[in-house]
Amino acid sequence: MRAKNSEGYERVLSFFPNARGVGFAYMEGPITILDKGVYKQDKANNVQLMKRIKALVKELQPERILLEEIIKDTKSMRVSNLIKEISRHAKTKNIPVTFYSREQIQFVFSIWTKVKKSSKYEIAKVISDYIKPMQFFFYNEPKYPKGEPHFASLFHAVSIGISHFYVTT
């Protein structure tokens, strides 16, 4: 396992699976993103996504994996199963897994948004305002019936990482 950086932060890898694939962020502190990306699949396939996730975990060797908590009826069966598969894989590699609820993430970001239940878009705006490399990926607010762009999952993965550092430091 790697030594913590001079500020004592562990290196965490957060994942945000959704209907179109999975976003990830490899972080060392609340505003330091070491690597990030989105694995997009037109027909999201957990077997293919897990191959890519396992390779990423092997390459980056995170000290902890972060995931959004599964709440009944808020995630599809496929996404819920992928979250469980990521967690199981981490445990086979002796990597601790921490789950954060949507409410915990919203609470952390309420500091900046001044809104108790911030939307995913409001949280993405805060992230793009404070983390320069994320500004390139910022998107216009989705309007019904259009949904979020596929790379919005990148912001969601970063929000889980920021929430972790807020809660643990």
C-alpha atoms as a PDB file:
ATOM      1  CA  MET A   1       0.000   0.000   0.000  1.00  0.00           C
ATOM      2  CA  ARG A   2       1.222   3.500  -0.828  1.00  0.00           C
ATOM      3  CA  ALA A   3       2.204   6.010   1.816  1.00  0.00           C
ATOM      4  CA  LYS A   4      -0.219   8.852   2.312  1.00  0.00           C
ATOM      5  CA  ASN A   5       0.740  12.180   0.766  1.00  0.00           C
ATOM      6  CA  SER A   6       2.186  15.021   2.847  1.00  0.00           C
ATOM      7  CA  GLU A   7      -1.329  16.167   3.792  1.00  0.00           C
ATOM      8  CA  GLY A   8      -2.270  12.674   5.009  1.00  0.00           C
ATOM      9  CA  TYR A   9      -4.880  11.918   2.353  1.00  0.00           C
ATOM     10  CA  GLU A  10      -5.425   8.392   1.159  1.00  0.00           C
ATOM     11  CA  ARG A  11      -5.795   7.647  -2.543  1.00  0.00           C
ATOM     12  CA  VAL A  12      -9.378   6.763  -3.282  1.00  0.00           C
ATOM     13  CA  LEU A  13     -11.121   5.505  -6.383  1.00  0.00           C
ATOM     14  CA  SER A  14     -14.795   6.421  -6.635  1.00  0.00           C
ATOM     15  CA  PHE A  15     -17.228   4.926  -9.109  1.00  0.00           C
ATOM     16  CA  PHE A  16     -20.646   6.102 -10.238  1.00  0.00           C
ATOM     17  CA  PRO A  17     -22.395   3.491 -12.385  1.00  0.00           C
ATOM     18  CA  ASN A  18     -25.451   4.598 -14.343  1.00  0.00           C
ATOM     19  CA  ALA A  19     -27.594   3.461 -17.268  1.00  0.00           C
ATOM     20  CA  ARG A  20     -24.915   4.342 -19.843  1.00  0.00           C
ATOM     21  CA  GLY A  21     -21.781   3.003 -18.165  1.00  0.00           C
ATOM     22  CA  VAL A  22     -19.672   4.167 -15.226  1.00  0.00           C
ATOM     23  CA  GLY A  23     -17.778   7.322 -14.285  1.00  0.00           C
ATOM     24  CA  PHE A  24     -14.710   7.160 -12.071  1.00  0.00           C
ATOM     25  CA  ALA A  25     -12.401   9.528 -10.221  1.00  0.00           C
ATOM     26  CA  TYR A  26      -9.048   8.657  -8.641  1.00  0.00           C
ATOM     27  CA  MET A  27      -8.395  11.272  -5.990  1.00  0.00           C
ATOM     28  CA  GLU A  28      -5.844  12.216  -3.368  1.00  0.00           C
ATOM     29  CA  GLY A  29      -7.585  14.869  -1.341  1.00  0.00           C
ATOM     30  CA  PRO A  30     -10.791  16.817  -1.908  1.00  0.00           C
ATOM     31  CA  ILE A  31      -9.589  18.802  -4.925  1.00  0.00           C
ATOM     32  CA  THR A  32      -6.759  16.681  -6.286  1.00  0.00           C
ATOM     33  CA  ILE A  33      -7.904  14.435  -9.117  1.00  0.00           C
ATOM     34  CA  LEU A  34      -5.113  12.116 -10.258  1.00  0.00           C
ATOM     35  CA  ASP A  35      -7.157  10.339 -12.941  1.00  0.00           C
ATOM     36  CA  LYS A  36     -10.745  10.398 -14.151  1.00  0.00           C
ATOM     37  CA  GLY A  37     -12.891   9.058 -16.905  1.00  0.00           C
ATOM     38  CA  VAL A  38     -16.087   7.529 -18.135  1.00  0.00           C
ATOM     39  CA  TYR A  39     -16.527   4.041 -19.479  1.00  0.00           C
ATOM     40  CA  LYS A  40     -19.462   4.371 -21.840  1.00  0.00           C
ATOM     41  CA  GLN A  41     -21.298   1.421 -23.316  1.00  0.00           C
ATOM     42  CA  ASP A  42     -24.285   1.820 -25.599  1.00  0.00           C
ATOM     43  CA  LYS A  43     -25.762  -1.323 -24.178  1.00  0.00           C
ATOM     44  CA  ALA A  44     -24.265  -1.147 -20.706  1.00  0.00           C
ATOM     45  CA  ASN A  45     -22.896  -4.594 -20.019  1.00  0.00           C
ATOM     46  CA  ASN A  46     -21.711  -5.404 -16.513  1.00  0.00           C
ATOM     47  CA  VAL A  47     -19.295  -8.106 -17.704  1.00  0.00           C
ATOM     48  CA  GLN A  48     -17.500  -5.678 -20.022  1.00  0.00           C
ATOM     49  CA  LEU A  49     -17.616  -2.856 -17.473  1.00  0.00           C
ATOM     50  CA  MET A  50     -16.214  -5.109 -14.731  1.00  0.00           C
ATOM     51  CA  LYS A  51     -13.285  -6.109 -16.951  1.00  0.00           C
ATOM     52  CA  ARG A  52     -12.409  -2.435 -17.351  1.00  0.00           C
ATOM     53  CA  ILE A  53     -12.989  -1.688 -13.650  1.00  0.00           C
ATOM     54  CA  LYS A  54     -10.799  -4.612 -12.549  1.00  0.00           C
ATOM     55  CA  ALA A  55      -8.003  -3.447 -14.859  1.00  0.00           C
ATOM     56  CA  LEU A  56      -8.303   0.098 -13.485  1.00  0.00           C
ATOM     57  CA  VAL A  57      -8.189  -1.093  -9.880  1.00  0.00           C
ATOM     58  CA  LYS A  58      -5.131  -3.219 -10.656  1.00  0.00           C
ATOM     59  CA  GLU A  59      -3.384  -0.292 -12.381  1.00  0.00           C
ATOM     60  CA  LEU A  60      -4.168   2.420  -9.821  1.00  0.00           C
ATOM     61  CA  GLN A  61      -4.081   0.342  -6.615  1.00  0.00           C
ATOM     62  CA  PRO A  62      -6.343   2.615  -4.585  1.00  0.00           C
ATOM     63  CA  GLU A  63      -6.313   2.539  -0.800  1.00  0.00           C
ATOM     64  CA  ARG A  64     -10.113   2.712  -0.710  1.00  0.00           C
ATOM     65  CA  ILE A  65     -13.026   2.396  -3.121  1.00  0.00           C
ATOM     66  CA  LEU A  66     -16.024   4.703  -2.824  1.00  0.00           C
ATOM     67  CA  LEU A  67     -19.534   4.018  -4.114  1.00  0.00           C
ATOM     68  CA  GLU A  68     -22.970   5.547  -3.847  1.00  0.00           C
ATOM     69  CA  GLU A  69     -25.190   3.597  -1.523  1.00  0.00           C
ATOM     70  CA  ILE A  70     -27.868   1.462  -3.151  1.00  0.00           C
ATOM     71  CA  ILE A  71     -31.302   2.671  -2.165  1.00  0.00           C
ATOM     72  CA  LYS A  72     -34.225   0.474  -3.227  1.00  0.00           C
ATOM     73  CA  ASP A  73     -36.044   1.818  -6.290  1.00  0.00           C
ATOM     74  CA  THR A  74     -33.474   4.517  -7.112  1.00  0.00           C
ATOM     75  CA  LYS A  75     -31.121   2.346  -9.171  1.00  0.00           C
ATOM     76  CA  SER A  76     -31.879  -0.170 -11.888  1.00  0.00           C
ATOM     77  CA  MET A  77     -31.228  -3.828 -11.145  1.00  0.00           C
ATOM     78  CA  ARG A  78     -28.239  -3.788 -13.532  1.00  0.00           C
ATOM     79  CA  VAL A  79     -26.688  -0.719 -11.847  1.00  0.00           C
ATOM     80  CA  SER A  80     -27.355  -2.133  -8.358  1.00  0.00           C
ATOM     81  CA  ASN A  81     -25.698  -5.397  -9.380  1.00  0.00           C
ATOM     82  CA  LEU A  82     -22.694  -3.537 -10.796  1.00  0.00           C
ATOM     83  CA  ILE A  83     -22.252  -1.628  -7.519  1.00  0.00           C
ATOM     84  CA  LYS A  84     -22.355  -4.948  -5.642  1.00  0.00           C
ATOM     85  CA  GLU A  85     -19.855  -6.498  -8.086  1.00  0.00           C
ATOM     86  CA  ILE A  86     -17.427  -3.577  -7.646  1.00  0.00           C
ATOM     87  CA  SER A  87     -17.712  -3.918  -3.869  1.00  0.00           C
ATOM     88  CA  ARG A  88     -17.126  -7.693  -3.982  1.00  0.00           C
ATOM     89  CA  HIS A  89     -14.100  -7.244  -6.244  1.00  0.00           C
ATOM     90  CA  ALA A  90     -12.597  -4.658  -3.900  1.00  0.00           C
ATOM     91  CA  LYS A  91     -13.042  -6.982  -0.950  1.00  0.00           C
ATOM     92  CA  THR A  92     -11.242  -9.812  -2.792  1.00  0.00           C
ATOM     93  CA  LYS A  93      -8.315  -7.385  -3.192  1.00  0.00           C
ATOM     94  CA  ASN A  94      -8.506  -6.344   0.479  1.00  0.00           C
ATOM     95  CA  ILE A  95      -9.437  -2.800  -0.484  1.00  0.00           C
ATOM     96  CA  PRO A  96     -11.842  -1.147   1.970  1.00  0.00           C
ATOM     97  CA  VAL A  97     -15.136   0.025   0.464  1.00  0.00           C
ATOM     98  CA  THR A  98     -17.123   2.982   1.750  1.00  0.00           C
ATOM     99  CA  PHE A  99     -20.653   3.836   0.649  1.00  0.00           C
ATOM    100  CA  TYR A 100     -22.167   7.327   0.697  1.00  0.00           C
ATOM    101  CA  SER A 101     -25.854   8.055   0.405  1.00  0.00           C
ATOM    102  CA  ARG A 102     -27.264  10.689  -1.921  1.00  0.00           C
ATOM    103  CA  GLU A 103     -28.353  12.588   1.202  1.00  0.00           C
ATOM    104  CA  GLN A 104     -24.799  12.613   2.623  1.00  0.00           C
ATOM    105  CA  ILE A 105     -23.452  13.973  -0.664  1.00  0.00           C
ATOM    106  CA  GLN A 106     -26.178  16.630  -0.801  1.00  0.00           C
ATOM    107  CA  PHE A 107     -25.402  17.629   2.792  1.00  0.00           C
ATOM    108  CA  VAL A 108     -21.700  18.101   2.020  1.00  0.00           C
ATOM    109  CA  PHE A 109     -22.440  20.236  -1.026  1.00  0.00           C
ATOM    110  CA  SER A 110     -25.080  22.307   0.786  1.00  0.00           C
ATOM    111  CA  ILE A 111     -22.133  24.258   2.201  1.00  0.00           C
ATOM    112  CA  TRP A 112     -21.561  25.733  -1.253  1.00  0.00           C
ATOM    113  CA  THR A 113     -25.005  25.595  -2.820  1.00  0.00           C
ATOM    114  CA  LYS A 114     -26.869  26.865   0.263  1.00  0.00           C
ATOM    115  CA  VAL A 115     -29.597  24.387  -0.701  1.00  0.00           C
ATOM    116  CA  LYS A 116     -30.381  21.437   1.579  1.00  0.00           C
ATOM    117  CA  LYS A 117     -31.057  19.022  -1.301  1.00  0.00           C
ATOM    118  CA  SER A 118     -28.780  20.108  -4.131  1.00  0.00           C
ATOM    119  CA  SER A 119     -29.446  18.662  -7.564  1.00  0.00           C
ATOM    120  CA  LYS A 120     -26.747  16.711  -9.363  1.00  0.00           C
ATOM    121  CA  TYR A 121     -26.391  19.669 -11.727  1.00  0.00           C
ATOM    122  CA  GLU A 122     -25.882  22.134  -8.839  1.00  0.00           C
ATOM    123  CA  ILE A 123     -23.228  19.841  -7.391  1.00  0.00           C
ATOM    124  CA  ALA A 124     -21.511  19.563 -10.804  1.00  0.00           C
ATOM    125  CA  LYS A 125     -21.466  23.382 -10.999  1.00  0.00           C
ATOM    126  CA  VAL A 126     -19.691  23.628  -7.626  1.00  0.00           C
ATOM    127  CA  ILE A 127     -17.143  21.032  -8.729  1.00  0.00           C
ATOM    128  CA  SER A 128     -16.437  22.838 -12.009  1.00  0.00           C
ATOM    129  CA  ASP A 129     -16.080  26.153 -10.125  1.00  0.00           C
ATOM    130  CA  TYR A 130     -13.500  24.798  -7.668  1.00  0.00           C
ATOM    131  CA  ILE A 131     -11.601  22.160  -9.663  1.00  0.00           C
ATOM    132  CA  LYS A 132     -10.211  23.663 -12.871  1.00  0.00           C
ATOM    133  CA  PRO A 133      -9.683  20.404 -14.830  1.00  0.00           C
ATOM    134  CA  MET A 134     -13.400  19.690 -14.453  1.00  0.00           C
ATOM    135  CA  GLN A 135     -14.462  22.934 -16.152  1.00  0.00           C
ATOM    136  CA  PHE A 136     -13.856  21.364 -19.560  1.00  0.00           C
ATOM    137  CA  PHE A 137     -16.510  18.709 -18.830  1.00  0.00           C
ATOM    138  CA  PHE A 138     -19.173  21.007 -17.400  1.00  0.00           C
ATOM    139  CA  TYR A 139     -22.503  20.786 -19.187  1.00  0.00           C
ATOM    140  CA  ASN A 140     -25.671  22.823 -19.584  1.00  0.00           C
ATOM    141  CA  GLU A 141     -28.465  22.107 -17.166  1.00  0.00           C
ATOM    142  CA  PRO A 142     -30.546  19.235 -18.547  1.00  0.00           C
ATOM    143  CA  LYS A 143     -34.106  20.158 -19.497  1.00  0.00           C
ATOM    144  CA  TYR A 144     -36.910  17.631 -19.575  1.00  0.00           C
ATOM    145  CA  PRO A 145     -37.191  15.329 -21.485  1.00  0.00           C
ATOM    146  CA  LYS A 146     -33.440  15.349 -22.155  1.00  0.00           C
ATOM    147  CA  GLY A 147     -31.306  13.680 -19.533  1.00  0.00           C
ATOM    148  CA  GLU A 148     -27.788  14.330 -18.392  1.00  0.00           C
ATOM    149  CA  PRO A 149     -24.904  13.799 -20.814  1.00  0.00           C
ATOM    150  CA  HIS A 150     -23.029  10.514 -20.384  1.00  0.00           C
ATOM    151  CA  PHE A 151     -20.029  12.272 -18.811  1.00  0.00           C
ATOM    152  CA  ALA A 152     -22.153  13.671 -15.949  1.00  0.00           C
ATOM    153  CA  SER A 153     -21.250  10.439 -14.135  1.00  0.00           C
ATOM    154  CA  LEU A 154     -17.717  11.831 -13.908  1.00  0.00           C
ATOM    155  CA  PHE A 155     -19.010  14.712 -11.756  1.00  0.00           C
ATOM    156  CA  HIS A 156     -21.002  12.270  -9.642  1.00  0.00           C
ATOM    157  CA  ALA A 157     -17.881  10.154  -9.022  1.00  0.00           C
ATOM    158  CA  VAL A 158     -15.941  13.285  -8.003  1.00  0.00           C
ATOM    159  CA  SER A 159     -18.796  14.328  -5.681  1.00  0.00           C
ATOM    160  CA  ILE A 160     -18.517  10.996  -3.869  1.00  0.00           C
ATOM    161  CA  GLY A 161     -14.755  11.544  -3.475  1.00  0.00           C
ATOM    162  CA  ILE A 162     -15.167  15.088  -2.150  1.00  0.00           C
ATOM    163  CA  SER A 163     -17.853  13.877   0.271  1.00  0.00           C
ATOM    164  CA  HIS A 164     -15.490  11.184   1.553  1.00  0.00           C
ATOM    165  CA  PHE A 165     -12.710  13.664   2.277  1.00  0.00           C
ATOM    166  CA  TYR A 166     -15.169  16.058   3.916  1.00  0.00           C
ATOM    167  CA  VAL A 167     -16.533  13.339   6.204  1.00  0.00           C
ATOM    168  CA  THR A 168     -13.160  11.786   7.107  1.00  0.00           C
ATOM    169  CA  THR A 169     -10.977  14.874   7.642  1.00  0.00           C
END
